Each structure stands twice: as C-alpha cells, then as structure tokens.
Amino acid sequence: MAVIVQKLKKEFSSSLEKAIKYYTILTVLNGIKLTTKQIELLAFTAVKGTITSPASRREFVELFSSSLASLENIKGKLVKDNWLVKVDNKYRINPQVNLDFSKDIILQMNLLSNGKEV
C-alpha cells in the first residue's frame, strides 16, 4: 500500500485565529454544517474559557459585529448540538473538542480508502 505524506505549516497571529481555523477544519472534514458565526463563537469560547460572563458576551458582540440577541441564538443552537456544555453554571466548549489554543497544535489527518473505487 502506497502512502502519501504531505506536511503543511501555518502560523497564526493569535490563539483566536488558530481556534477559528481548527473548528473550521474539524467541521469541514466531518461534513458538519456550522455557520461562520457559530465557528467564531466556538473559537472565542475556547480561547476565553466561557461565554457566560457579560464582559465576554459584550467582547464577542463587538469583535464579531454581532448583537446580544444573535449571540444567544447561536449559543442556544451550539448547546442543543452539544458543542457547548454547561459546567458549574458556565457555558464552555465540550471537552471532547476543546484544545489549549495558546500552544502549538499538530493535526494528523488520515484520509483512507475503503477499497471501493468508483
């Protein structure tokens, strides 16, 4: 079996930018339909730790040109889909998809053939 190895390296100016790219890749690779704002809220929450505090919510609204009502709608959808979970009365990223974006991250994707050629 032949294997192709391709290494890509990308530097980001901020943890938030890295988190946005990570959640974009994760959703695209798995065929999950999330809007840009939903990905931005996931990334923002991952970097900040929570989206519960009024200060965090205001910062998100200002940073991403949104509104508090829109933020609550997006948050509700992400909670319903289990991307965000409530821990100690704070909304946080589901631990299964939460990373420390202040650190360097190495992603490995294995794109495998199932033996069925078209």
PDB file of N, CA and C in Angstrom:
ATOM      1  N   MET A   1       0.843  -1.178   0.000  1.00  0.00           N
ATOM      2  CA  MET A   1       0.000   0.000   0.000  1.00  0.00           C
ATOM      3  C   MET A   1       0.888   1.243   0.000  1.00  0.00           C
ATOM      4  N   ALA A   2       0.663   2.121  -0.947  1.00  0.00           N
ATOM      5  CA  ALA A   2       1.424   3.369  -1.038  1.00  0.00           C
ATOM      6  C   ALA A   2       0.779   4.425  -0.147  1.00  0.00           C
ATOM      7  N   VAL A   3       1.609   5.224   0.461  1.00  0.00           N
ATOM      8  CA  VAL A   3       1.135   6.295   1.334  1.00  0.00           C
ATOM      9  C   VAL A   3       1.761   7.599   0.877  1.00  0.00           C
ATOM     10  N   ILE A   4       0.964   8.627   0.851  1.00  0.00           N
ATOM     11  CA  ILE A   4       1.447   9.958   0.500  1.00  0.00           C
ATOM     12  C   ILE A   4       1.489  10.786   1.779  1.00  0.00           C
ATOM     13  N   VAL A   5       2.605  11.413   2.045  1.00  0.00           N
ATOM     14  CA  VAL A   5       2.747  12.261   3.219  1.00  0.00           C
ATOM     15  C   VAL A   5       2.900  13.699   2.747  1.00  0.00           C
ATOM     16  N   GLN A   6       2.066  14.560   3.281  1.00  0.00           N
ATOM     17  CA  GLN A   6       2.142  15.981   2.956  1.00  0.00           C
ATOM     18  C   GLN A   6       2.119  16.747   4.270  1.00  0.00           C
ATOM     19  N   LYS A   7       3.106  17.574   4.482  1.00  0.00           N
ATOM     20  CA  LYS A   7       3.173  18.367   5.706  1.00  0.00           C
ATOM     21  C   LYS A   7       2.893  19.820   5.371  1.00  0.00           C
ATOM     22  N   LEU A   8       2.026  20.409   6.150  1.00  0.00           N
ATOM     23  CA  LEU A   8       1.679  21.819   5.981  1.00  0.00           C
ATOM     24  C   LEU A   8       1.988  22.542   7.287  1.00  0.00           C
ATOM     25  N   LYS A   9       2.444  23.756   7.183  1.00  0.00           N
ATOM     26  CA  LYS A   9       2.735  24.550   8.372  1.00  0.00           C
ATOM     27  C   LYS A   9       2.101  25.916   8.194  1.00  0.00           C
ATOM     28  N   LYS A  10       1.388  26.365   9.206  1.00  0.00           N
ATOM     29  CA  LYS A  10       0.711  27.655   9.133  1.00  0.00           C
ATOM     30  C   LYS A  10       0.884  28.357  10.478  1.00  0.00           C
ATOM     31  N   GLU A  11       1.316  29.592  10.431  1.00  0.00           N
ATOM     32  CA  GLU A  11       1.448  30.385  11.648  1.00  0.00           C
ATOM     33  C   GLU A  11       0.263  31.335  11.758  1.00  0.00           C
ATOM     34  N   PHE A  12      -0.174  31.561  12.990  1.00  0.00           N
ATOM     35  CA  PHE A  12      -1.319  32.428  13.248  1.00  0.00           C
ATOM     36  C   PHE A  12      -0.912  33.556  14.173  1.00  0.00           C
ATOM     37  N   SER A  13      -1.538  34.691  13.998  1.00  0.00           N
ATOM     38  CA  SER A  13      -1.193  35.860  14.806  1.00  0.00           C
ATOM     39  C   SER A  13      -1.821  35.834  16.194  1.00  0.00           C
ATOM     40  N   SER A  14      -2.830  34.976  16.383  1.00  0.00           N
ATOM     41  CA  SER A  14      -3.485  34.920  17.698  1.00  0.00           C
ATOM     42  C   SER A  14      -4.067  33.526  17.947  1.00  0.00           C
ATOM     43  N   SER A  15      -4.305  33.250  19.216  1.00  0.00           N
ATOM     44  CA  SER A  15      -4.958  31.990  19.589  1.00  0.00           C
ATOM     45  C   SER A  15      -6.360  31.912  19.017  1.00  0.00           C
ATOM     46  N   LEU A  16      -7.039  33.056  18.961  1.00  0.00           N
ATOM     47  CA  LEU A  16      -8.400  33.089  18.415  1.00  0.00           C
ATOM     48  C   LEU A  16      -8.399  32.715  16.938  1.00  0.00           C
ATOM     49  N   GLU A  17      -7.468  33.265  16.181  1.00  0.00           N
ATOM     50  CA  GLU A  17      -7.371  32.940  14.761  1.00  0.00           C
ATOM     51  C   GLU A  17      -7.081  31.442  14.569  1.00  0.00           C
ATOM     52  N   LYS A  18      -6.211  30.893  15.405  1.00  0.00           N
ATOM     53  CA  LYS A  18      -5.881  29.466  15.339  1.00  0.00           C
ATOM     54  C   LYS A  18      -7.111  28.612  15.667  1.00  0.00           C
ATOM     55  N   ALA A  19      -7.870  29.022  16.678  1.00  0.00           N
ATOM     56  CA  ALA A  19      -9.069  28.283  17.074  1.00  0.00           C
ATOM     57  C   ALA A  19     -10.127  28.314  15.970  1.00  0.00           C
ATOM     58  N   ILE A  20     -10.301  29.459  15.335  1.00  0.00           N
ATOM     59  CA  ILE A  20     -11.262  29.558  14.225  1.00  0.00           C
ATOM     60  C   ILE A  20     -10.871  28.591  13.113  1.00  0.00           C
ATOM     61  N   LYS A  21      -9.600  28.564  12.763  1.00  0.00           N
ATOM     62  CA  LYS A  21      -9.138  27.657  11.703  1.00  0.00           C
ATOM     63  C   LYS A  21      -9.334  26.197  12.116  1.00  0.00           C
ATOM     64  N   TYR A  22      -9.047  25.866  13.374  1.00  0.00           N
ATOM     65  CA  TYR A  22      -9.205  24.494  13.858  1.00  0.00           C
ATOM     66  C   TYR A  22     -10.667  24.031  13.745  1.00  0.00           C
ATOM     67  N   TYR A  23     -11.602  24.831  14.256  1.00  0.00           N
ATOM     68  CA  TYR A  23     -13.007  24.430  14.211  1.00  0.00           C
ATOM     69  C   TYR A  23     -13.541  24.415  12.778  1.00  0.00           C
ATOM     70  N   THR A  24     -13.003  25.262  11.920  1.00  0.00           N
ATOM     71  CA  THR A  24     -13.380  25.223  10.503  1.00  0.00           C
ATOM     72  C   THR A  24     -12.943  23.899   9.883  1.00  0.00           C
ATOM     73  N   ILE A  25     -11.699  23.509  10.108  1.00  0.00           N
ATOM     74  CA  ILE A  25     -11.181  22.238   9.582  1.00  0.00           C
ATOM     75  C   ILE A  25     -11.976  21.063  10.143  1.00  0.00           C
ATOM     76  N   LEU A  26     -12.223  21.076  11.451  1.00  0.00           N
ATOM     77  CA  LEU A  26     -12.955  19.990  12.107  1.00  0.00           C
ATOM     78  C   LEU A  26     -14.341  19.800  11.505  1.00  0.00           C
ATOM     79  N   THR A  27     -15.043  20.894  11.278  1.00  0.00           N
ATOM     80  CA  THR A  27     -16.404  20.781  10.753  1.00  0.00           C
ATOM     81  C   THR A  27     -16.415  20.386   9.273  1.00  0.00           C
ATOM     82  N   VAL A  28     -15.504  20.955   8.495  1.00  0.00           N
ATOM     83  CA  VAL A  28     -15.444  20.616   7.072  1.00  0.00           C
ATOM     84  C   VAL A  28     -15.079  19.144   6.896  1.00  0.00           C
ATOM     85  N   LEU A  29     -14.067  18.684   7.598  1.00  0.00           N
ATOM     86  CA  LEU A  29     -13.610  17.305   7.467  1.00  0.00           C
ATOM     87  C   LEU A  29     -14.706  16.296   7.834  1.00  0.00           C
ATOM     88  N   ASN A  30     -15.529  16.672   8.808  1.00  0.00           N
ATOM     89  CA  ASN A  30     -16.578  15.757   9.262  1.00  0.00           C
ATOM     90  C   ASN A  30     -17.942  16.034   8.632  1.00  0.00           C
ATOM     91  N   GLY A  31     -17.991  16.957   7.687  1.00  0.00           N
ATOM     92  CA  GLY A  31     -19.247  17.248   6.998  1.00  0.00           C
ATOM     93  C   GLY A  31     -20.300  17.867   7.899  1.00  0.00           C
ATOM     94  N   ILE A  32     -19.866  18.622   8.885  1.00  0.00           N
ATOM     95  CA  ILE A  32     -20.781  19.262   9.834  1.00  0.00           C
ATOM     96  C   ILE A  32     -21.037  20.688   9.365  1.00  0.00           C
ATOM     97  N   LYS A  33     -22.300  21.050   9.275  1.00  0.00           N
ATOM     98  CA  LYS A  33     -22.675  22.369   8.782  1.00  0.00           C
ATOM     99  C   LYS A  33     -22.803  23.348   9.950  1.00  0.00           C
ATOM    100  N   LEU A  34     -21.820  24.210  10.102  1.00  0.00           N
ATOM    101  CA  LEU A  34     -21.896  25.297  11.071  1.00  0.00           C
ATOM    102  C   LEU A  34     -21.676  26.603  10.328  1.00  0.00           C
ATOM    103  N   THR A  35     -22.345  27.644  10.776  1.00  0.00           N
ATOM    104  CA  THR A  35     -22.166  28.952  10.162  1.00  0.00           C
ATOM    105  C   THR A  35     -20.848  29.567  10.632  1.00  0.00           C
ATOM    106  N   THR A  36     -20.435  30.600   9.937  1.00  0.00           N
ATOM    107  CA  THR A  36     -19.214  31.312  10.325  1.00  0.00           C
ATOM    108  C   THR A  36     -19.338  31.843  11.744  1.00  0.00           C
ATOM    109  N   LYS A  37     -20.479  32.417  12.086  1.00  0.00           N
ATOM    110  CA  LYS A  37     -20.689  32.955  13.437  1.00  0.00           C
ATOM    111  C   LYS A  37     -20.654  31.851  14.497  1.00  0.00           C
ATOM    112  N   GLN A  38     -21.181  30.674  14.185  1.00  0.00           N
ATOM    113  CA  GLN A  38     -21.132  29.568  15.135  1.00  0.00           C
ATOM    114  C   GLN A  38     -19.686  29.142  15.379  1.00  0.00           C
ATOM    115  N   ILE A  39     -18.894  29.074  14.321  1.00  0.00           N
ATOM    116  CA  ILE A  39     -17.480  28.723  14.460  1.00  0.00           C
ATOM    117  C   ILE A  39     -16.748  29.810  15.246  1.00  0.00           C
ATOM    118  N   GLU A  40     -17.045  31.058  14.967  1.00  0.00           N
ATOM    119  CA  GLU A  40     -16.417  32.156  15.705  1.00  0.00           C
ATOM    120  C   GLU A  40     -16.765  32.089  17.185  1.00  0.00           C
ATOM    121  N   LEU A  41     -18.015  31.767  17.509  1.00  0.00           N
ATOM    122  CA  LEU A  41     -18.405  31.659  18.922  1.00  0.00           C
ATOM    123  C   LEU A  41     -17.714  30.474  19.592  1.00  0.00           C
ATOM    124  N   LEU A  42     -17.608  29.349  18.901  1.00  0.00           N
ATOM    125  CA  LEU A  42     -16.873  28.204  19.454  1.00  0.00           C
ATOM    126  C   LEU A  42     -15.427  28.592  19.740  1.00  0.00           C
ATOM    127  N   ALA A  43     -14.779  29.193  18.765  1.00  0.00           N
ATOM    128  CA  ALA A  43     -13.374  29.574  18.910  1.00  0.00           C
ATOM    129  C   ALA A  43     -13.194  30.585  20.040  1.00  0.00           C
ATOM    130  N   PHE A  44     -14.052  31.587  20.068  1.00  0.00           N
ATOM    131  CA  PHE A  44     -13.978  32.611  21.107  1.00  0.00           C
ATOM    132  C   PHE A  44     -14.150  31.988  22.488  1.00  0.00           C
ATOM    133  N   THR A  45     -15.131  31.107  22.627  1.00  0.00           N
ATOM    134  CA  THR A  45     -15.392  30.446  23.905  1.00  0.00           C
ATOM    135  C   THR A  45     -14.217  29.564  24.313  1.00  0.00           C
ATOM    136  N   ALA A  46     -13.627  28.866  23.354  1.00  0.00           N
ATOM    137  CA  ALA A  46     -12.478  28.010  23.647  1.00  0.00           C
ATOM    138  C   ALA A  46     -11.304  28.840  24.166  1.00  0.00           C
ATOM    139  N   VAL A  47     -11.068  29.980  23.547  1.00  0.00           N
ATOM    140  CA  VAL A  47      -9.937  30.817  23.941  1.00  0.00           C
ATOM    141  C   VAL A  47     -10.207  31.519  25.266  1.00  0.00           C
ATOM    142  N   LYS A  48     -11.422  32.023  25.457  1.00  0.00           N
ATOM    143  CA  LYS A  48     -11.764  32.752  26.685  1.00  0.00           C
ATOM    144  C   LYS A  48     -12.105  31.833  27.859  1.00  0.00           C
ATOM    145  N   GLY A  49     -12.527  30.603  27.560  1.00  0.00           N
ATOM    146  CA  GLY A  49     -12.894  29.657  28.617  1.00  0.00           C
ATOM    147  C   GLY A  49     -14.386  29.547  28.837  1.00  0.00           C
ATOM    148  N   THR A  50     -15.106  30.633  28.597  1.00  0.00           N
ATOM    149  CA  THR A  50     -16.562  30.628  28.752  1.00  0.00           C
ATOM    150  C   THR A  50     -17.154  31.799  27.969  1.00  0.00           C
ATOM    151  N   ILE A  51     -18.452  31.699  27.723  1.00  0.00           N
ATOM    152  CA  ILE A  51     -19.169  32.797  27.072  1.00  0.00           C
ATOM    153  C   ILE A  51     -20.264  33.316  28.004  1.00  0.00           C
ATOM    154  N   THR A  52     -20.209  32.927  29.269  1.00  0.00           N
ATOM    155  CA  THR A  52     -21.278  33.233  30.209  1.00  0.00           C
ATOM    156  C   THR A  52     -21.216  34.658  30.754  1.00  0.00           C
ATOM    157  N   SER A  53     -20.041  35.152  31.038  1.00  0.00           N
ATOM    158  CA  SER A  53     -19.936  36.465  31.688  1.00  0.00           C
ATOM    159  C   SER A  53     -20.391  37.580  30.754  1.00  0.00           C
ATOM    160  N   PRO A  54     -21.020  38.600  31.321  1.00  0.00           N
ATOM    161  CA  PRO A  54     -21.449  39.741  30.496  1.00  0.00           C
ATOM    162  C   PRO A  54     -20.285  40.388  29.740  1.00  0.00           C
ATOM    163  N   ALA A  55     -19.116  40.442  30.353  1.00  0.00           N
ATOM    164  CA  ALA A  55     -17.951  41.044  29.691  1.00  0.00           C
ATOM    165  C   ALA A  55     -17.545  40.232  28.464  1.00  0.00           C
ATOM    166  N   SER A  56     -17.550  38.911  28.567  1.00  0.00           N
ATOM    167  CA  SER A  56     -17.213  38.041  27.426  1.00  0.00           C
ATOM    168  C   SER A  56     -18.237  38.186  26.318  1.00  0.00           C
ATOM    169  N   ARG A  57     -19.493  38.236  26.697  1.00  0.00           N
ATOM    170  CA  ARG A  57     -20.551  38.366  25.693  1.00  0.00           C
ATOM    171  C   ARG A  57     -20.431  39.701  24.950  1.00  0.00           C
ATOM    172  N   ARG A  58     -20.181  40.779  25.696  1.00  0.00           N
ATOM    173  CA  ARG A  58     -20.006  42.100  25.067  1.00  0.00           C
ATOM    174  C   ARG A  58     -18.789  42.100  24.140  1.00  0.00           C
ATOM    175  N   GLU A  59     -17.698  41.480  24.591  1.00  0.00           N
ATOM    176  CA  GLU A  59     -16.488  41.428  23.771  1.00  0.00           C
ATOM    177  C   GLU A  59     -16.745  40.680  22.461  1.00  0.00           C
ATOM    178  N   PHE A  60     -17.466  39.553  22.536  1.00  0.00           N
ATOM    179  CA  PHE A  60     -17.787  38.807  21.322  1.00  0.00           C
ATOM    180  C   PHE A  60     -18.620  39.661  20.374  1.00  0.00           C
ATOM    181  N   VAL A  61     -19.637  40.306  20.898  1.00  0.00           N
ATOM    182  CA  VAL A  61     -20.533  41.136  20.088  1.00  0.00           C
ATOM    183  C   VAL A  61     -19.743  42.239  19.370  1.00  0.00           C
ATOM    184  N   GLU A  62     -18.832  42.881  20.082  1.00  0.00           N
ATOM    185  CA  GLU A  62     -18.039  43.961  19.487  1.00  0.00           C
ATOM    186  C   GLU A  62     -17.027  43.421  18.478  1.00  0.00           C
ATOM    187  N   LEU A  63     -16.351  42.341  18.832  1.00  0.00           N
ATOM    188  CA  LEU A  63     -15.299  41.786  17.991  1.00  0.00           C
ATOM    189  C   LEU A  63     -15.826  41.239  16.670  1.00  0.00           C
ATOM    190  N   PHE A  64     -17.022  40.629  16.718  1.00  0.00           N
ATOM    191  CA  PHE A  64     -17.565  39.966  15.530  1.00  0.00           C
ATOM    192  C   PHE A  64     -18.794  40.673  14.956  1.00  0.00           C
ATOM    193  N   SER A  65     -18.975  41.926  15.293  1.00  0.00           N
ATOM    194  CA  SER A  65     -20.087  42.735  14.763  1.00  0.00           C
ATOM    195  C   SER A  65     -21.408  41.982  14.831  1.00  0.00           C
ATOM    196  N   SER A  66     -21.763  41.599  16.023  1.00  0.00           N
ATOM    197  CA  SER A  66     -22.981  40.820  16.245  1.00  0.00           C
ATOM    198  C   SER A  66     -23.892  41.594  17.194  1.00  0.00           C
ATOM    199  N   SER A  67     -24.899  40.921  17.709  1.00  0.00           N
ATOM    200  CA  SER A  67     -25.780  41.508  18.723  1.00  0.00           C
ATOM    201  C   SER A  67     -25.954  40.490  19.841  1.00  0.00           C
ATOM    202  N   LEU A  68     -26.382  40.960  20.997  1.00  0.00           N
ATOM    203  CA  LEU A  68     -26.596  40.041  22.124  1.00  0.00           C
ATOM    204  C   LEU A  68     -27.685  39.023  21.795  1.00  0.00           C
ATOM    205  N   ALA A  69     -28.722  39.453  21.092  1.00  0.00           N
ATOM    206  CA  ALA A  69     -29.801  38.528  20.723  1.00  0.00           C
ATOM    207  C   ALA A  69     -29.278  37.441  19.784  1.00  0.00           C
ATOM    208  N   SER A  70     -28.486  37.847  18.812  1.00  0.00           N
ATOM    209  CA  SER A  70     -27.901  36.884  17.877  1.00  0.00           C
ATOM    210  C   SER A  70     -26.966  35.934  18.610  1.00  0.00           C
ATOM    211  N   LEU A  71     -26.166  36.470  19.518  1.00  0.00           N
ATOM    212  CA  LEU A  71     -25.263  35.647  20.319  1.00  0.00           C
ATOM    213  C   LEU A  71     -26.043  34.576  21.074  1.00  0.00           C
ATOM    214  N   GLU A  72     -27.146  34.957  21.682  1.00  0.00           N
ATOM    215  CA  GLU A  72     -27.945  33.996  22.449  1.00  0.00           C
ATOM    216  C   GLU A  72     -28.544  32.918  21.537  1.00  0.00           C
ATOM    217  N   ASN A  73     -28.966  33.304  20.349  1.00  0.00           N
ATOM    218  CA  ASN A  73     -29.494  32.319  19.391  1.00  0.00           C
ATOM    219  C   ASN A  73     -28.406  31.329  18.967  1.00  0.00           C
ATOM    220  N   ILE A  74     -27.222  31.846  18.682  1.00  0.00           N
ATOM    221  CA  ILE A  74     -26.102  30.985  18.274  1.00  0.00           C
ATOM    222  C   ILE A  74     -25.725  30.058  19.423  1.00  0.00           C
ATOM    223  N   LYS A  75     -25.634  30.618  20.611  1.00  0.00           N
ATOM    224  CA  LYS A  75     -25.280  29.827  21.797  1.00  0.00           C
ATOM    225  C   LYS A  75     -26.305  28.719  22.014  1.00  0.00           C
ATOM    226  N   GLY A  76     -27.579  29.045  21.892  1.00  0.00           N
ATOM    227  CA  GLY A  76     -28.634  28.048  22.068  1.00  0.00           C
ATOM    228  C   GLY A  76     -28.507  26.885  21.096  1.00  0.00           C
ATOM    229  N   LYS A  77     -28.189  27.195  19.852  1.00  0.00           N
ATOM    230  CA  LYS A  77     -28.004  26.142  18.834  1.00  0.00           C
ATOM    231  C   LYS A  77     -26.793  25.280  19.164  1.00  0.00           C
ATOM    232  N   LEU A  78     -25.706  25.891  19.586  1.00  0.00           N
ATOM    233  CA  LEU A  78     -24.498  25.130  19.917  1.00  0.00           C
ATOM    234  C   LEU A  78     -24.687  24.279  21.173  1.00  0.00           C
ATOM    235  N   VAL A  79     -25.486  24.760  22.112  1.00  0.00           N
ATOM    236  CA  VAL A  79     -25.810  23.949  23.302  1.00  0.00           C
ATOM    237  C   VAL A  79     -26.668  22.764  22.886  1.00  0.00           C
ATOM    238  N   LYS A  80     -27.674  23.019  22.059  1.00  0.00           N
ATOM    239  CA  LYS A  80     -28.559  21.957  21.581  1.00  0.00           C
ATOM    240  C   LYS A  80     -27.776  20.864  20.853  1.00  0.00           C
ATOM    241  N   ASP A  81     -26.769  21.275  20.070  1.00  0.00           N
ATOM    242  CA  ASP A  81     -25.961  20.314  19.310  1.00  0.00           C
ATOM    243  C   ASP A  81     -24.773  19.775  20.101  1.00  0.00           C
ATOM    244  N   ASN A  82     -24.686  20.137  21.391  1.00  0.00           N
ATOM    245  CA  ASN A  82     -23.681  19.622  22.325  1.00  0.00           C
ATOM    246  C   ASN A  82     -22.255  20.113  22.046  1.00  0.00           C
ATOM    247  N   TRP A  83     -22.112  21.200  21.311  1.00  0.00           N
ATOM    248  CA  TRP A  83     -20.795  21.812  21.138  1.00  0.00           C
ATOM    249  C   TRP A  83     -20.419  22.592  22.397  1.00  0.00           C
ATOM    250  N   LEU A  84     -21.427  23.232  22.996  1.00  0.00           N
ATOM    251  CA  LEU A  84     -21.246  23.938  24.261  1.00  0.00           C
ATOM    252  C   LEU A  84     -21.983  23.169  25.348  1.00  0.00           C
ATOM    253  N   VAL A  85     -21.367  23.085  26.520  1.00  0.00           N
ATOM    254  CA  VAL A  85     -21.987  22.394  27.656  1.00  0.00           C
ATOM    255  C   VAL A  85     -21.914  23.300  28.881  1.00  0.00           C
ATOM    256  N   LYS A  86     -22.844  23.106  29.795  1.00  0.00           N
ATOM    257  CA  LYS A  86     -22.874  23.917  30.999  1.00  0.00           C
ATOM    258  C   LYS A  86     -22.097  23.187  32.095  1.00  0.00           C
ATOM    259  N   VAL A  87     -21.058  23.850  32.599  1.00  0.00           N
ATOM    260  CA  VAL A  87     -20.226  23.297  33.670  1.00  0.00           C
ATOM    261  C   VAL A  87     -20.125  24.366  34.754  1.00  0.00           C
ATOM    262  N   ASP A  88     -20.550  24.027  35.966  1.00  0.00           N
ATOM    263  CA  ASP A  88     -20.535  24.987  37.078  1.00  0.00           C
ATOM    264  C   ASP A  88     -21.251  26.290  36.710  1.00  0.00           C
ATOM    265  N   ASN A  89     -22.413  26.160  36.067  1.00  0.00           N
ATOM    266  CA  ASN A  89     -23.228  27.305  35.657  1.00  0.00           C
ATOM    267  C   ASN A  89     -22.546  28.221  34.635  1.00  0.00           C
ATOM    268  N   LYS A  90     -21.548  27.685  33.916  1.00  0.00           N
ATOM    269  CA  LYS A  90     -20.888  28.443  32.857  1.00  0.00           C
ATOM    270  C   LYS A  90     -20.898  27.619  31.581  1.00  0.00           C
ATOM    271  N   TYR A  91     -21.146  28.306  30.466  1.00  0.00           N
ATOM    272  CA  TYR A  91     -21.121  27.622  29.176  1.00  0.00           C
ATOM    273  C   TYR A  91     -19.685  27.525  28.683  1.00  0.00           C
ATOM    274  N   ARG A  92     -19.271  26.286  28.421  1.00  0.00           N
ATOM    275  CA  ARG A  92     -17.904  26.008  27.983  1.00  0.00           C
ATOM    276  C   ARG A  92     -17.940  25.094  26.764  1.00  0.00           C
ATOM    277  N   ILE A  93     -16.812  24.988  26.077  1.00  0.00           N
ATOM    278  CA  ILE A  93     -16.676  24.074  24.945  1.00  0.00           C
ATOM    279  C   ILE A  93     -16.752  22.645  25.474  1.00  0.00           C
ATOM    280  N   ASN A  94     -17.442  21.784  24.744  1.00  0.00           N
ATOM    281  CA  ASN A  94     -17.471  20.358  25.086  1.00  0.00           C
ATOM    282  C   ASN A  94     -16.018  19.876  25.173  1.00  0.00           C
ATOM    283  N   PRO A  95     -15.633  19.237  26.276  1.00  0.00           N
ATOM    284  CA  PRO A  95     -14.239  18.808  26.454  1.00  0.00           C
ATOM    285  C   PRO A  95     -13.714  17.904  25.325  1.00  0.00           C
ATOM    286  N   GLN A  96     -14.595  17.224  24.620  1.00  0.00           N
ATOM    287  CA  GLN A  96     -14.158  16.352  23.526  1.00  0.00           C
ATOM    288  C   GLN A  96     -13.565  17.128  22.356  1.00  0.00           C
ATOM    289  N   VAL A  97     -13.906  18.393  22.220  1.00  0.00           N
ATOM    290  CA  VAL A  97     -13.405  19.197  21.103  1.00  0.00           C
ATOM    291  C   VAL A  97     -12.722  20.474  21.588  1.00  0.00           C
ATOM    292  N   ASN A  98     -12.268  20.480  22.832  1.00  0.00           N
ATOM    293  CA  ASN A  98     -11.620  21.661  23.386  1.00  0.00           C
ATOM    294  C   ASN A  98     -10.114  21.456  23.428  1.00  0.00           C
ATOM    295  N   LEU A  99      -9.384  22.436  22.937  1.00  0.00           N
ATOM    296  CA  LEU A  99      -7.922  22.410  22.957  1.00  0.00           C
ATOM    297  C   LEU A  99      -7.409  23.684  23.609  1.00  0.00           C
ATOM    298  N   ASP A 100      -6.151  23.660  24.010  1.00  0.00           N
ATOM    299  CA  ASP A 100      -5.486  24.857  24.511  1.00  0.00           C
ATOM    300  C   ASP A 100      -4.822  25.530  23.304  1.00  0.00           C
ATOM    301  N   PHE A 101      -5.464  26.538  22.779  1.00  0.00           N
ATOM    302  CA  PHE A 101      -5.005  27.176  21.551  1.00  0.00           C
ATOM    303  C   PHE A 101      -3.823  28.121  21.776  1.00  0.00           C
ATOM    304  N   SER A 102      -3.387  28.283  23.018  1.00  0.00           N
ATOM    305  CA  SER A 102      -2.192  29.083  23.275  1.00  0.00           C
ATOM    306  C   SER A 102      -0.926  28.274  22.965  1.00  0.00           C
ATOM    307  N   LYS A 103      -1.085  26.965  22.800  1.00  0.00           N
ATOM    308  CA  LYS A 103       0.040  26.088  22.485  1.00  0.00           C
ATOM    309  C   LYS A 103       0.060  25.757  21.000  1.00  0.00           C
ATOM    310  N   ASP A 104       1.223  25.298  20.521  1.00  0.00           N
ATOM    311  CA  ASP A 104       1.311  24.808  19.147  1.00  0.00           C
ATOM    312  C   ASP A 104       0.489  23.529  19.029  1.00  0.00           C
ATOM    313  N   ILE A 105      -0.146  23.327  17.901  1.00  0.00           N
ATOM    314  CA  ILE A 105      -1.006  22.162  17.675  1.00  0.00           C
ATOM    315  C   ILE A 105      -0.545  21.449  16.414  1.00  0.00           C
ATOM    316  N   ILE A 106      -0.433  20.149  16.505  1.00  0.00           N
ATOM    317  CA  ILE A 106      -0.122  19.326  15.336  1.00  0.00           C
ATOM    318  C   ILE A 106      -1.344  18.463  15.069  1.00  0.00           C
ATOM    319  N   LEU A 107      -1.924  18.617  13.891  1.00  0.00           N
ATOM    320  CA  LEU A 107      -3.075  17.809  13.483  1.00  0.00           C
ATOM    321  C   LEU A 107      -2.595  16.713  12.548  1.00  0.00           C
ATOM    322  N   GLN A 108      -3.088  15.523  12.739  1.00  0.00           N
ATOM    323  CA  GLN A 108      -2.801  14.446  11.791  1.00  0.00           C
ATOM    324  C   GLN A 108      -4.123  13.963  11.239  1.00  0.00           C
ATOM    325  N   MET A 109      -4.247  14.010   9.919  1.00  0.00           N
ATOM    326  CA  MET A 109      -5.454  13.514   9.258  1.00  0.00           C
ATOM    327  C   MET A 109      -5.064  12.270   8.492  1.00  0.00           C
ATOM    328  N   ASN A 110      -5.805  11.215   8.673  1.00  0.00           N
ATOM    329  CA  ASN A 110      -5.606  10.004   7.883  1.00  0.00           C
ATOM    330  C   ASN A 110      -6.812   9.885   6.964  1.00  0.00           C
ATOM    331  N   LEU A 111      -6.604  10.127   5.699  1.00  0.00           N
ATOM    332  CA  LEU A 111      -7.666  10.005   4.694  1.00  0.00           C
ATOM    333  C   LEU A 111      -7.467   8.642   4.021  1.00  0.00           C
ATOM    334  N   LEU A 112      -8.287   7.690   4.384  1.00  0.00           N
ATOM    335  CA  LEU A 112      -8.097   6.305   3.977  1.00  0.00           C
ATOM    336  C   LEU A 112      -9.060   5.880   2.896  1.00  0.00           C
ATOM    337  N   SER A 113      -8.630   4.998   2.048  1.00  0.00           N
ATOM    338  CA  SER A 113      -9.502   4.392   1.033  1.00  0.00           C
ATOM    339  C   SER A 113     -10.205   3.195   1.654  1.00  0.00           C
ATOM    340  N   ASN A 114     -11.451   3.015   1.292  1.00  0.00           N
ATOM    341  CA  ASN A 114     -12.177   1.864   1.812  1.00  0.00           C
ATOM    342  C   ASN A 114     -12.153   0.681   0.844  1.00  0.00           C
ATOM    343  N   GLY A 115     -11.383   0.811  -0.227  1.00  0.00           N
ATOM    344  CA  GLY A 115     -11.248  -0.276  -1.199  1.00  0.00           C
ATOM    345  C   GLY A 115     -12.292  -0.255  -2.300  1.00  0.00           C
ATOM    346  N   LYS A 116     -13.272   0.605  -2.173  1.00  0.00           N
ATOM    347  CA  LYS A 116     -14.330   0.701  -3.190  1.00  0.00           C
ATOM    348  C   LYS A 116     -14.022   1.852  -4.121  1.00  0.00           C
ATOM    349  N   GLU A 117     -13.616   1.530  -5.316  1.00  0.00           N
ATOM    350  CA  GLU A 117     -13.311   2.564  -6.306  1.00  0.00           C
ATOM    351  C   GLU A 117     -14.542   2.848  -7.153  1.00  0.00           C
ATOM    352  N   VAL A 118     -14.695   4.065  -7.565  1.00  0.00           N
ATOM    353  CA  VAL A 118     -15.827   4.454  -8.400  1.00  0.00           C
ATOM    354  C   VAL A 118     -15.456   4.318  -9.856  1.00  0.00           C
TER     355      VAL A 118
END
